[in-house]
Each structure stands twice: as C-alpha cells, then as structure tokens.
C-alpha atoms as a PDB file:
ATOM      1  CA  MET A   1     101.763  91.752 119.557  1.00  0.00           C
ATOM      2  CA  ALA A   2      99.732  93.889 117.170  1.00  0.00           C
ATOM      3  CA  GLU A   3     100.267  93.476 113.452  1.00  0.00           C
ATOM      4  CA  ARG A   4     102.366  96.245 111.964  1.00  0.00           C
ATOM      5  CA  ILE A   5     100.794  98.161 109.102  1.00  0.00           C
ATOM      6  CA  GLY A   6     103.445  97.117 106.580  1.00  0.00           C
ATOM      7  CA  ASP A   7     102.939  93.450 107.385  1.00  0.00           C
ATOM      8  CA  GLY A   8      99.184  93.894 107.157  1.00  0.00           C
ATOM      9  CA  LEU A   9      99.380  95.610 103.778  1.00  0.00           C
ATOM     10  CA  VAL A  10     101.498  92.735 102.478  1.00  0.00           C
ATOM     11  CA  ARG A  11      99.050  90.217 104.003  1.00  0.00           C
ATOM     12  CA  ILE A  12      96.073  91.730 102.175  1.00  0.00           C
ATOM     13  CA  GLY A  13      98.035  91.983  98.926  1.00  0.00           C
ATOM     14  CA  ALA A  14      98.098  95.779  98.804  1.00  0.00           C
ATOM     15  CA  MET A  15     101.884  95.908  98.501  1.00  0.00           C
ATOM     16  CA  SER A  16     104.791  93.528  98.072  1.00  0.00           C
ATOM     17  CA  ALA A  17     107.266  92.492 100.749  1.00  0.00           C
ATOM     18  CA  GLU A  18     109.979  94.270  98.758  1.00  0.00           C
ATOM     19  CA  GLU A  19     107.995  97.519  98.802  1.00  0.00           C
ATOM     20  CA  ARG A  20     107.423  97.157 102.551  1.00  0.00           C
ATOM     21  CA  ASP A  21     111.130  96.615 103.070  1.00  0.00           C
ATOM     22  CA  LYS A  22     111.999  99.731 101.049  1.00  0.00           C
ATOM     23  CA  VAL A  23     109.713 101.851 103.226  1.00  0.00           C
ATOM     24  CA  LEU A  24     111.196 100.345 106.403  1.00  0.00           C
ATOM     25  CA  LYS A  25     114.729 101.018 105.118  1.00  0.00           C
ATOM     26  CA  MET A  26     113.821 104.648 104.498  1.00  0.00           C
ATOM     27  CA  GLN A  27     112.522 104.904 108.069  1.00  0.00           C
ATOM     28  CA  ASN A  28     115.644 103.219 109.430  1.00  0.00           C
ATOM     29  CA  ASP A  29     117.760 105.652 107.416  1.00  0.00           C
ATOM     30  CA  GLY A  30     116.091 108.587 109.176  1.00  0.00           C
ATOM     31  CA  ASP A  31     112.834 109.351 107.340  1.00  0.00           C
ATOM     32  CA  GLN A  32     110.526 110.236 110.235  1.00  0.00           C
ATOM     33  CA  ARG A  33     107.254 110.097 108.311  1.00  0.00           C
ATOM     34  CA  MET A  34     104.687 107.425 109.100  1.00  0.00           C
ATOM     35  CA  PHE A  35     104.837 104.191 107.119  1.00  0.00           C
ATOM     36  CA  GLY A  36     101.663 104.989 105.178  1.00  0.00           C
ATOM     37  CA  GLU A  37     102.850 108.456 104.214  1.00  0.00           C
ATOM     38  CA  ILE A  38     106.031 107.098 102.675  1.00  0.00           C
ATOM     39  CA  ALA A  39     104.252 104.229 100.921  1.00  0.00           C
ATOM     40  CA  ILE A  40     101.701 106.620  99.405  1.00  0.00           C
ATOM     41  CA  ASP A  41     104.410 109.072  98.293  1.00  0.00           C
ATOM     42  CA  LEU A  42     106.258 106.202  96.594  1.00  0.00           C
ATOM     43  CA  LYS A  43     102.960 105.199  94.908  1.00  0.00           C
ATOM     44  CA  PHE A  44     103.110 101.717  96.433  1.00  0.00           C
ATOM     45  CA  ILE A  45      99.601 102.137  97.885  1.00  0.00           C
ATOM     46  CA  ASP A  46      96.746 104.621  97.985  1.00  0.00           C
ATOM     47  CA  ASP A  47      94.332 105.701 100.711  1.00  0.00           C
ATOM     48  CA  ASN A  48      92.003 102.813  99.854  1.00  0.00           C
ATOM     49  CA  ALA A  49      94.711 100.295 100.720  1.00  0.00           C
ATOM     50  CA  ILE A  50      94.955 101.737 104.221  1.00  0.00           C
ATOM     51  CA  LEU A  51      91.174 101.656 104.573  1.00  0.00           C
ATOM     52  CA  ASN A  52      91.138  98.023 103.413  1.00  0.00           C
ATOM     53  CA  PHE A  53      93.822  97.181 105.985  1.00  0.00           C
ATOM     54  CA  LEU A  54      91.826  98.827 108.764  1.00  0.00           C
ATOM     55  CA  GLU A  55      88.677  96.985 107.679  1.00  0.00           C
ATOM     56  CA  SER A  56      90.595  93.687 107.692  1.00  0.00           C
ATOM     57  CA  LYS A  57      91.420  94.403 111.357  1.00  0.00           C
ATOM     58  CA  GLY A  58      87.786  95.162 112.165  1.00  0.00           C
ATOM     59  CA  LEU A  59      88.460  98.856 112.746  1.00  0.00           C
END
C-alpha cells in the first residue's frame, strides 16, 4: 500500500503526529479539502515540505 502523505510528512519530520491527526480529524469531520491544503492553512507545513515529501518518494 502506498504511503499516505500525512504519514510521509511525519516520517520526514515536516510535521508532528499530533498535527497529522488534527488534519485527519478535520477531514473525518467533513472538511473536503486535500490533506496538504488543510495542513498549509493551519501553518503546520509549507509548500517546501510537500516538495521534500515528493522528493523522498523519488517523484
């Protein structure tokens, strides 16, 4: 199974597990935005964190 972006961002140290869980809770509570959009809006990460995640996956 492919690594989910939240797990990958925690793995590379871009965000904490608690921050990931907050974003996932917001999605479970009905926020339909993508994980990265919510995390950026909450100032947990920035665009560079997503780029670093993609690079860590060889993409």
